[in-house]
Protein backbone atom coordinates (compact mmCIF):
# COMPACT_ATOMS: atom_id res chain seq x y z
CA UNK A 1 3.60 -36.22 -38.73
CA UNK A 2 0.51 -34.92 -36.94
CA UNK A 3 1.92 -36.19 -33.61
CA UNK A 4 5.20 -34.31 -34.22
CA UNK A 5 3.35 -31.07 -35.07
CA UNK A 6 1.12 -31.41 -32.00
CA UNK A 7 4.11 -32.13 -29.76
CA UNK A 8 6.04 -29.19 -31.20
CA UNK A 9 3.04 -26.93 -30.62
CA UNK A 10 2.72 -28.17 -27.05
CA UNK A 11 6.42 -27.52 -26.40
CA UNK A 12 6.16 -24.06 -27.89
CA UNK A 13 3.11 -23.33 -25.71
CA UNK A 14 4.89 -24.55 -22.57
CA UNK A 15 7.95 -22.46 -23.38
CA UNK A 16 5.74 -19.41 -23.86
CA UNK A 17 3.93 -20.04 -20.57
CA UNK A 18 7.23 -20.50 -18.73
CA UNK A 19 8.55 -17.24 -20.12
CA UNK A 20 5.48 -15.43 -18.79
CA UNK A 21 5.76 -16.62 -15.19
CA UNK A 22 7.84 -14.75 -12.68
CA UNK A 23 9.45 -15.99 -9.52
CA UNK A 24 8.04 -14.46 -6.33
CA UNK A 25 11.14 -12.35 -5.67
CA UNK A 26 10.94 -10.98 -9.24
CA UNK A 27 7.31 -10.00 -8.70
CA UNK A 28 8.20 -8.24 -5.45
CA UNK A 29 11.10 -6.40 -7.07
CA UNK A 30 8.80 -5.31 -9.89
CA UNK A 31 6.22 -4.10 -7.37
CA UNK A 32 8.81 -2.09 -5.44
CA UNK A 33 10.21 -0.59 -8.66
CA UNK A 34 6.74 0.44 -9.77
CA UNK A 35 6.04 1.90 -6.33
CA UNK A 36 9.26 3.89 -6.35
CA UNK A 37 8.51 5.14 -9.86
CA UNK A 38 5.18 6.48 -8.65
CA UNK A 39 3.11 3.94 -10.59
CA UNK A 40 1.04 3.18 -7.53
CA UNK A 41 -1.89 1.35 -9.15
CA UNK A 42 0.46 -0.99 -11.02
CA UNK A 43 2.48 -1.48 -7.82
CA UNK A 44 -0.66 -2.37 -5.88
CA UNK A 45 -1.53 -4.96 -8.50
CA UNK A 46 2.00 -6.44 -8.38
CA UNK A 47 1.98 -6.59 -4.56
CA UNK A 48 -1.34 -8.42 -4.83
CA UNK A 49 0.21 -10.92 -7.25
CA UNK A 50 3.06 -11.50 -4.80
CA UNK A 51 0.68 -11.96 -1.87
CA UNK A 52 -1.22 -14.65 -3.76
CA UNK A 53 2.01 -16.65 -3.73
CA UNK A 54 3.30 -15.48 -0.33
CA UNK A 55 0.16 -14.60 1.68
CA UNK A 56 1.98 -14.44 5.01
CA UNK A 57 4.61 -11.89 3.99
CA UNK A 58 4.50 -9.16 6.62
CA UNK A 59 6.80 -7.01 4.51
CA UNK A 60 4.55 -7.24 1.43
CA UNK A 61 1.40 -6.59 3.44
CA UNK A 62 3.00 -3.55 5.02
CA UNK A 63 4.28 -2.01 1.81
CA UNK A 64 0.99 -2.77 0.07
CA UNK A 65 -0.63 -0.82 2.89
CA UNK A 66 1.76 2.05 2.25
CA UNK A 67 0.89 1.97 -1.47
CA UNK A 68 -2.84 2.03 -0.70
CA UNK A 69 -2.29 4.96 1.68
CA UNK A 70 -0.27 6.81 -0.93
CA UNK A 71 -3.18 6.35 -3.33
CA UNK A 72 -5.54 7.75 -0.68
CA UNK A 73 -7.18 4.35 -0.22
CA UNK A 74 -6.86 4.38 3.57
CA UNK A 75 -9.47 1.75 4.41
CA UNK A 76 -7.64 -0.74 2.18
CA UNK A 77 -4.34 0.29 3.78
CA UNK A 78 -5.82 -0.32 7.22
CA UNK A 79 -6.96 -3.81 6.16
CA UNK A 80 -3.42 -4.71 5.07
CA UNK A 81 -1.87 -3.38 8.28
CA UNK A 82 -4.41 -5.33 10.34
CA UNK A 83 -3.55 -8.51 8.43
CA UNK A 84 0.11 -7.81 9.12
CA UNK A 85 -0.52 -7.33 12.83
CA UNK A 86 -2.36 -10.65 12.92
CA UNK A 87 0.85 -12.24 11.66
CA UNK A 88 3.11 -10.28 13.98
CA UNK A 89 1.23 -8.57 16.82
CA UNK A 90 2.97 -5.53 18.20
CA UNK A 91 5.10 -4.81 15.14
CA UNK A 92 5.98 -1.14 15.71
CA UNK A 93 6.25 0.15 12.13
CA UNK A 94 3.06 -1.62 11.04
CA UNK A 95 1.21 -0.34 14.12
CA UNK A 96 2.44 3.20 13.39
CA UNK A 97 1.26 3.00 9.77
CA UNK A 98 -2.10 1.66 10.93
CA UNK A 99 -2.51 4.59 13.32
CA UNK A 100 -1.59 7.12 10.63
CA UNK A 101 -4.08 5.64 8.17
CA UNK A 102 -6.70 5.69 10.89
CA UNK A 103 -5.97 9.38 11.47
CA UNK A 104 -6.32 10.11 7.75
CA UNK A 105 -9.68 8.33 7.61
CA UNK A 106 -10.87 10.26 10.66
CA UNK A 107 -9.87 13.57 9.05
CA UNK A 108 -11.61 12.66 5.79
CA UNK A 109 -14.77 11.71 7.66
CA UNK A 110 -14.83 15.12 9.35
CA UNK A 111 -14.28 16.84 6.02
CA UNK A 112 -10.78 18.04 6.92
CA UNK A 113 -9.03 17.19 3.66
CA UNK A 114 -6.02 19.38 4.51
CA UNK A 115 -5.18 17.29 7.57
CA UNK A 116 -5.91 14.03 5.76
CA UNK A 117 -3.58 15.04 2.94
CA UNK A 118 -0.84 15.95 5.43
CA UNK A 119 -1.10 12.51 7.01
CA UNK A 120 -1.30 10.81 3.61
CA UNK A 121 1.66 12.65 2.14
CA UNK A 122 4.06 10.96 4.45
CA UNK A 123 3.74 9.25 7.75
CA UNK A 124 7.03 10.77 8.78
CA UNK A 125 5.52 14.23 8.41
CA UNK A 126 3.98 14.16 11.86
CA UNK A 127 5.39 17.61 12.61
CA UNK A 128 3.36 19.07 9.74
CA UNK A 129 0.22 17.44 11.10
CA UNK A 130 0.94 18.87 14.56
CA UNK A 131 1.51 22.30 13.02
CA UNK A 132 -1.81 22.14 11.17
CA UNK A 133 -3.53 21.04 14.38
CA UNK A 134 -2.01 23.99 16.23
CA UNK A 135 -3.11 26.40 13.48
CA UNK A 136 -6.60 24.94 13.51
CA UNK A 137 -6.77 25.23 17.31
CA UNK A 138 -5.52 28.83 17.12
CA UNK A 139 -8.19 29.70 14.52
CA UNK A 140 -10.89 28.14 16.71
CA UNK A 141 -9.67 30.03 19.79
CA UNK A 142 -9.53 33.28 17.79
CA UNK A 143 -13.05 32.78 16.50
CA UNK A 144 -14.34 31.94 19.98
CA UNK A 145 -12.71 35.05 21.44
CA UNK A 146 -14.43 37.42 18.98
């Protein structure tokens, strides 16, 4: 009887453990859903879980980088983009994201939070960054002319 109870307990435990594990594609879908819902910290954690299983996924590295950038964690974003470029040197979108994160870090280091936020709010918002640069240049020229 003890053997039966122990076996039943073991089966129940295994069933519970199996119910808790996700397939890699399920983890990635969960990460993307969290990211799209604005739950960036949870998305970052889920992308990390996926990358433990699929460490050479350029797509996951890239979107993890985007999530880090969205959270203002640019150095961590840069590290993910660099890992991605090691896997696929010359990948245009990853290289672009790397450059944008680098720009944001540079702006933060100079204390220009307005420019850093413009870069961080969307890599496709390059026109806004250019506009802020032009305004900043105009202010500097105006101040120098006085």
